[in-house]
Amino acid sequence: MSVYLSATKEAPAPFDDQRAMRMLEIVAKETGIGVAALTPEATIENLGITSLDLTQALFAIESEFDIEIPVVPHRTGAEFTTIGELVAHVLTVLDKPATPATVATVDQPA
C-alpha cells in the first residue's frame, strides 16, 4: 500500500492533510517503521509499536505542533488503536479553536 495521497477530487483520503503527513513522518522516525506501513487501518499492536515508542512519538508531535494531546477518557491508557485514530485525534486537537481555559494567561498584580 502507498501513503494515502488522493489524486481525485472525491472525498479526501485520510492523510491528505499535510499536518497528517508530518505526523506520519514523526511516528516513522520515532518508531523505525516506514511511512508506507503507517496506513489509517494499521493497528499500533500489529505494527509492533511499543508504548515507549508511541509515547516518544506523541511527545514529538506535541513539540512539532506546539499542542498538548489530551488523553481519551474512555480508553484509559490505550488512546489509539490504529494510526488513523491517532492522526484523527491530533487533527481534532489542532482544529479546535482556542478557548479561554486553554489559552495561557499571565496574572496581573492587584
N, C-alpha and C. Protein backbone atom coordinates (compact mmCIF):
# COMPACT_ATOMS: atom_id res chain seq x y z
N MET A 1 0.83 -1.19 0.00
CA MET A 1 0.00 0.00 0.00
C MET A 1 0.87 1.24 0.00
N SER A 2 0.35 2.29 -0.54
CA SER A 2 1.09 3.54 -0.55
C SER A 2 0.57 4.46 0.54
N VAL A 3 1.30 5.54 0.76
CA VAL A 3 0.80 6.56 1.68
C VAL A 3 -0.37 7.22 0.98
N TYR A 4 -1.44 7.44 1.67
CA TYR A 4 -2.71 7.84 1.08
C TYR A 4 -2.78 9.31 0.68
N LEU A 5 -2.27 9.62 -0.48
CA LEU A 5 -2.47 10.96 -1.05
C LEU A 5 -3.41 10.79 -2.23
N SER A 6 -4.55 11.38 -2.14
CA SER A 6 -5.58 11.22 -3.15
C SER A 6 -5.28 12.06 -4.39
N ALA A 7 -5.45 11.47 -5.56
CA ALA A 7 -5.26 12.20 -6.81
C ALA A 7 -6.60 12.60 -7.41
N THR A 8 -7.70 12.26 -6.76
CA THR A 8 -9.02 12.57 -7.30
C THR A 8 -9.62 13.75 -6.56
N LYS A 9 -10.72 14.25 -7.09
CA LYS A 9 -11.43 15.37 -6.47
C LYS A 9 -12.55 14.88 -5.56
N GLU A 10 -12.63 13.56 -5.34
CA GLU A 10 -13.67 13.00 -4.49
C GLU A 10 -13.31 13.24 -3.03
N ALA A 11 -13.98 12.52 -2.16
CA ALA A 11 -13.73 12.68 -0.72
C ALA A 11 -12.24 12.53 -0.43
N PRO A 12 -11.68 13.39 0.41
CA PRO A 12 -10.26 13.33 0.68
C PRO A 12 -9.86 12.04 1.38
N ALA A 13 -8.69 11.56 1.04
CA ALA A 13 -8.14 10.38 1.70
C ALA A 13 -7.75 10.76 3.12
N PRO A 14 -7.63 9.78 4.02
CA PRO A 14 -7.36 10.08 5.43
C PRO A 14 -6.12 10.93 5.69
N PHE A 15 -5.11 10.79 4.87
CA PHE A 15 -3.88 11.51 5.15
C PHE A 15 -3.58 12.59 4.12
N ASP A 16 -4.61 13.17 3.51
CA ASP A 16 -4.40 14.26 2.56
C ASP A 16 -3.86 15.51 3.24
N ASP A 17 -4.21 15.71 4.46
CA ASP A 17 -3.80 16.89 5.22
C ASP A 17 -2.28 16.85 5.42
N GLN A 18 -1.59 17.93 5.09
CA GLN A 18 -0.13 17.97 5.23
C GLN A 18 0.30 17.79 6.68
N ARG A 19 -0.54 18.22 7.62
CA ARG A 19 -0.21 18.01 9.03
C ARG A 19 -0.21 16.52 9.35
N ALA A 20 -1.14 15.79 8.75
CA ALA A 20 -1.18 14.34 8.96
C ALA A 20 0.07 13.70 8.40
N MET A 21 0.50 14.14 7.25
CA MET A 21 1.72 13.60 6.67
C MET A 21 2.92 13.88 7.57
N ARG A 22 2.97 15.05 8.17
CA ARG A 22 4.07 15.37 9.09
C ARG A 22 4.01 14.46 10.32
N MET A 23 2.80 14.19 10.81
CA MET A 23 2.66 13.27 11.95
C MET A 23 3.19 11.89 11.60
N LEU A 24 2.87 11.41 10.39
CA LEU A 24 3.36 10.10 9.96
C LEU A 24 4.88 10.07 9.90
N GLU A 25 5.48 11.15 9.42
CA GLU A 25 6.94 11.23 9.38
C GLU A 25 7.53 11.14 10.78
N ILE A 26 6.88 11.82 11.72
CA ILE A 26 7.36 11.80 13.11
C ILE A 26 7.21 10.40 13.70
N VAL A 27 6.05 9.77 13.49
CA VAL A 27 5.84 8.42 14.01
C VAL A 27 6.86 7.46 13.39
N ALA A 28 7.11 7.60 12.10
CA ALA A 28 8.09 6.74 11.43
C ALA A 28 9.48 6.92 12.04
N LYS A 29 9.86 8.16 12.27
CA LYS A 29 11.18 8.44 12.83
C LYS A 29 11.31 7.87 14.25
N GLU A 30 10.29 8.06 15.06
CA GLU A 30 10.35 7.63 16.46
C GLU A 30 10.22 6.12 16.64
N THR A 31 9.58 5.45 15.67
CA THR A 31 9.34 4.01 15.82
C THR A 31 10.23 3.15 14.93
N GLY A 32 10.83 3.76 13.91
CA GLY A 32 11.64 2.98 12.97
C GLY A 32 10.80 2.22 11.96
N ILE A 33 9.54 2.56 11.85
CA ILE A 33 8.64 1.91 10.89
C ILE A 33 8.49 2.82 9.68
N GLY A 34 8.56 2.24 8.49
CA GLY A 34 8.43 3.04 7.27
C GLY A 34 7.09 3.73 7.16
N VAL A 35 7.10 4.92 6.60
CA VAL A 35 5.87 5.71 6.45
C VAL A 35 4.81 4.93 5.66
N ALA A 36 5.23 4.17 4.66
CA ALA A 36 4.28 3.42 3.83
C ALA A 36 3.47 2.42 4.64
N ALA A 37 4.01 1.94 5.74
CA ALA A 37 3.29 0.98 6.58
C ALA A 37 2.28 1.65 7.50
N LEU A 38 2.38 2.96 7.64
CA LEU A 38 1.52 3.70 8.57
C LEU A 38 0.22 4.10 7.88
N THR A 39 -0.60 3.12 7.60
CA THR A 39 -1.89 3.34 6.95
C THR A 39 -2.96 3.61 8.00
N PRO A 40 -4.08 4.20 7.62
CA PRO A 40 -5.11 4.50 8.61
C PRO A 40 -5.59 3.29 9.40
N GLU A 41 -5.70 2.15 8.74
CA GLU A 41 -6.22 0.96 9.41
C GLU A 41 -5.15 0.15 10.13
N ALA A 42 -3.89 0.50 9.97
CA ALA A 42 -2.81 -0.23 10.63
C ALA A 42 -2.91 -0.05 12.15
N THR A 43 -2.90 -1.17 12.86
CA THR A 43 -3.02 -1.07 14.32
C THR A 43 -1.64 -0.89 14.94
N ILE A 44 -1.64 -0.17 16.05
CA ILE A 44 -0.42 0.05 16.81
C ILE A 44 0.19 -1.31 17.19
N GLU A 45 -0.66 -2.23 17.61
CA GLU A 45 -0.21 -3.56 18.03
C GLU A 45 0.42 -4.33 16.86
N ASN A 46 -0.28 -4.39 15.73
CA ASN A 46 0.24 -5.14 14.58
C ASN A 46 1.52 -4.54 14.03
N LEU A 47 1.69 -3.24 14.16
CA LEU A 47 2.92 -2.61 13.72
C LEU A 47 4.07 -2.88 14.69
N GLY A 48 3.74 -3.36 15.89
CA GLY A 48 4.77 -3.64 16.88
C GLY A 48 5.31 -2.39 17.56
N ILE A 49 4.50 -1.34 17.60
CA ILE A 49 4.92 -0.09 18.24
C ILE A 49 4.80 -0.26 19.75
N THR A 50 5.90 -0.11 20.45
CA THR A 50 5.89 -0.24 21.90
C THR A 50 5.28 1.01 22.53
N SER A 51 4.87 0.88 23.77
CA SER A 51 4.28 2.03 24.46
C SER A 51 5.32 3.15 24.60
N LEU A 52 6.58 2.79 24.80
CA LEU A 52 7.63 3.82 24.90
C LEU A 52 7.80 4.55 23.58
N ASP A 53 7.84 3.82 22.47
CA ASP A 53 7.96 4.46 21.15
C ASP A 53 6.75 5.34 20.86
N LEU A 54 5.56 4.87 21.21
CA LEU A 54 4.35 5.65 20.98
C LEU A 54 4.38 6.93 21.82
N THR A 55 4.81 6.81 23.06
CA THR A 55 4.91 7.99 23.93
C THR A 55 5.91 8.99 23.37
N GLN A 56 7.05 8.50 22.90
CA GLN A 56 8.04 9.40 22.32
C GLN A 56 7.49 10.07 21.06
N ALA A 57 6.77 9.33 20.25
CA ALA A 57 6.17 9.90 19.05
C ALA A 57 5.15 10.98 19.41
N LEU A 58 4.34 10.72 20.44
CA LEU A 58 3.34 11.71 20.86
C LEU A 58 4.00 12.97 21.39
N PHE A 59 5.07 12.81 22.17
CA PHE A 59 5.80 13.99 22.66
C PHE A 59 6.38 14.78 21.49
N ALA A 60 6.92 14.07 20.50
CA ALA A 60 7.49 14.75 19.33
C ALA A 60 6.40 15.48 18.54
N ILE A 61 5.22 14.88 18.42
CA ILE A 61 4.10 15.54 17.73
C ILE A 61 3.67 16.77 18.51
N GLU A 62 3.56 16.64 19.83
CA GLU A 62 3.20 17.80 20.65
C GLU A 62 4.20 18.92 20.47
N SER A 63 5.46 18.60 20.45
CA SER A 63 6.51 19.61 20.28
C SER A 63 6.44 20.24 18.89
N GLU A 64 6.29 19.43 17.88
CA GLU A 64 6.23 19.92 16.49
C GLU A 64 5.09 20.90 16.28
N PHE A 65 3.92 20.58 16.84
CA PHE A 65 2.73 21.38 16.60
C PHE A 65 2.40 22.32 17.76
N ASP A 66 3.22 22.33 18.79
CA ASP A 66 3.03 23.19 19.96
C ASP A 66 1.62 23.01 20.54
N ILE A 67 1.30 21.75 20.82
CA ILE A 67 -0.01 21.41 21.39
C ILE A 67 0.19 20.44 22.54
N GLU A 68 -0.89 20.21 23.27
CA GLU A 68 -0.94 19.15 24.26
C GLU A 68 -2.01 18.18 23.80
N ILE A 69 -1.64 16.93 23.63
CA ILE A 69 -2.59 15.92 23.18
C ILE A 69 -3.29 15.34 24.41
N PRO A 70 -4.57 15.63 24.56
CA PRO A 70 -5.29 15.11 25.74
C PRO A 70 -5.52 13.62 25.63
N VAL A 71 -5.61 12.97 26.77
CA VAL A 71 -5.95 11.55 26.77
C VAL A 71 -7.42 11.39 26.43
N VAL A 72 -7.75 10.24 25.90
CA VAL A 72 -9.14 9.92 25.59
C VAL A 72 -9.71 9.22 26.82
N PRO A 73 -10.64 9.85 27.53
CA PRO A 73 -11.10 9.34 28.83
C PRO A 73 -11.54 7.88 28.84
N HIS A 74 -12.31 7.44 27.88
CA HIS A 74 -12.85 6.08 27.93
C HIS A 74 -11.86 5.01 27.49
N ARG A 75 -10.67 5.39 27.08
CA ARG A 75 -9.69 4.42 26.62
C ARG A 75 -8.70 4.02 27.72
N THR A 76 -8.57 4.79 28.74
CA THR A 76 -7.71 4.52 29.90
C THR A 76 -6.35 3.92 29.53
N GLY A 77 -5.56 4.68 28.83
CA GLY A 77 -4.20 4.26 28.54
C GLY A 77 -4.01 3.66 27.16
N ALA A 78 -5.07 3.34 26.48
CA ALA A 78 -4.97 2.81 25.12
C ALA A 78 -5.72 3.77 24.18
N GLU A 79 -5.26 5.01 24.15
CA GLU A 79 -5.98 6.06 23.42
C GLU A 79 -6.16 5.76 21.94
N PHE A 80 -5.18 5.12 21.34
CA PHE A 80 -5.21 4.92 19.90
C PHE A 80 -5.00 3.46 19.57
N THR A 81 -5.95 2.88 18.85
CA THR A 81 -5.81 1.51 18.40
C THR A 81 -5.14 1.47 17.03
N THR A 82 -5.47 2.46 16.19
CA THR A 82 -4.92 2.50 14.84
C THR A 82 -4.19 3.81 14.59
N ILE A 83 -3.41 3.82 13.54
CA ILE A 83 -2.73 5.05 13.12
C ILE A 83 -3.76 6.10 12.72
N GLY A 84 -4.82 5.67 12.07
CA GLY A 84 -5.89 6.60 11.68
C GLY A 84 -6.51 7.28 12.87
N GLU A 85 -6.73 6.56 13.97
CA GLU A 85 -7.29 7.15 15.19
C GLU A 85 -6.34 8.18 15.78
N LEU A 86 -5.05 7.86 15.78
CA LEU A 86 -4.06 8.79 16.31
C LEU A 86 -4.08 10.09 15.50
N VAL A 87 -4.01 9.97 14.18
CA VAL A 87 -4.00 11.15 13.31
C VAL A 87 -5.29 11.95 13.47
N ALA A 88 -6.43 11.28 13.48
CA ALA A 88 -7.72 11.97 13.61
C ALA A 88 -7.80 12.71 14.94
N HIS A 89 -7.32 12.08 16.01
CA HIS A 89 -7.36 12.72 17.32
C HIS A 89 -6.50 13.99 17.34
N VAL A 90 -5.30 13.90 16.80
CA VAL A 90 -4.41 15.07 16.79
C VAL A 90 -4.97 16.16 15.89
N LEU A 91 -5.52 15.81 14.75
CA LEU A 91 -6.12 16.82 13.87
C LEU A 91 -7.29 17.52 14.56
N THR A 92 -8.06 16.78 15.35
CA THR A 92 -9.16 17.38 16.10
C THR A 92 -8.62 18.40 17.09
N VAL A 93 -7.53 18.06 17.76
CA VAL A 93 -6.91 18.99 18.70
C VAL A 93 -6.41 20.23 17.97
N LEU A 94 -5.76 20.02 16.83
CA LEU A 94 -5.22 21.14 16.06
C LEU A 94 -6.31 22.06 15.53
N ASP A 95 -7.44 21.48 15.15
CA ASP A 95 -8.52 22.26 14.56
C ASP A 95 -9.47 22.88 15.57
N LYS A 96 -9.33 22.50 16.83
CA LYS A 96 -10.21 23.04 17.87
C LYS A 96 -9.79 24.49 18.17
N PRO A 97 -10.76 25.41 18.12
CA PRO A 97 -10.41 26.81 18.43
C PRO A 97 -9.98 26.94 19.89
N ALA A 98 -9.05 27.83 20.12
CA ALA A 98 -8.58 28.08 21.49
C ALA A 98 -9.72 28.66 22.31
N THR A 99 -9.83 28.19 23.53
CA THR A 99 -10.83 28.71 24.46
C THR A 99 -10.09 29.38 25.61
N PRO A 100 -10.76 30.23 26.36
CA PRO A 100 -10.09 30.88 27.48
C PRO A 100 -9.43 29.90 28.44
N ALA A 101 -10.02 28.72 28.59
CA ALA A 101 -9.45 27.74 29.51
C ALA A 101 -8.17 27.13 28.98
N THR A 102 -7.96 27.17 27.64
CA THR A 102 -6.77 26.57 27.06
C THR A 102 -5.70 27.58 26.67
N VAL A 103 -6.02 28.85 26.81
CA VAL A 103 -5.06 29.90 26.47
C VAL A 103 -4.32 30.30 27.73
N ALA A 104 -3.00 30.29 27.66
CA ALA A 104 -2.21 30.68 28.83
C ALA A 104 -2.37 32.17 29.09
N THR A 105 -2.52 32.52 30.34
CA THR A 105 -2.63 33.93 30.71
C THR A 105 -1.61 34.25 31.78
N VAL A 106 -1.28 35.50 31.87
CA VAL A 106 -0.37 35.97 32.91
C VAL A 106 -1.19 36.73 33.92
N ASP A 107 -1.05 36.34 35.18
CA ASP A 107 -1.78 37.04 36.25
C ASP A 107 -1.26 38.46 36.38
N GLN A 108 -2.18 39.39 36.48
CA GLN A 108 -1.84 40.79 36.68
C GLN A 108 -1.81 41.08 38.17
N PRO A 109 -0.83 41.82 38.64
CA PRO A 109 -0.83 42.18 40.07
C PRO A 109 -2.05 43.03 40.42
N ALA A 110 -2.57 42.84 41.60
CA ALA A 110 -3.78 43.55 42.02
C ALA A 110 -3.45 44.97 42.40
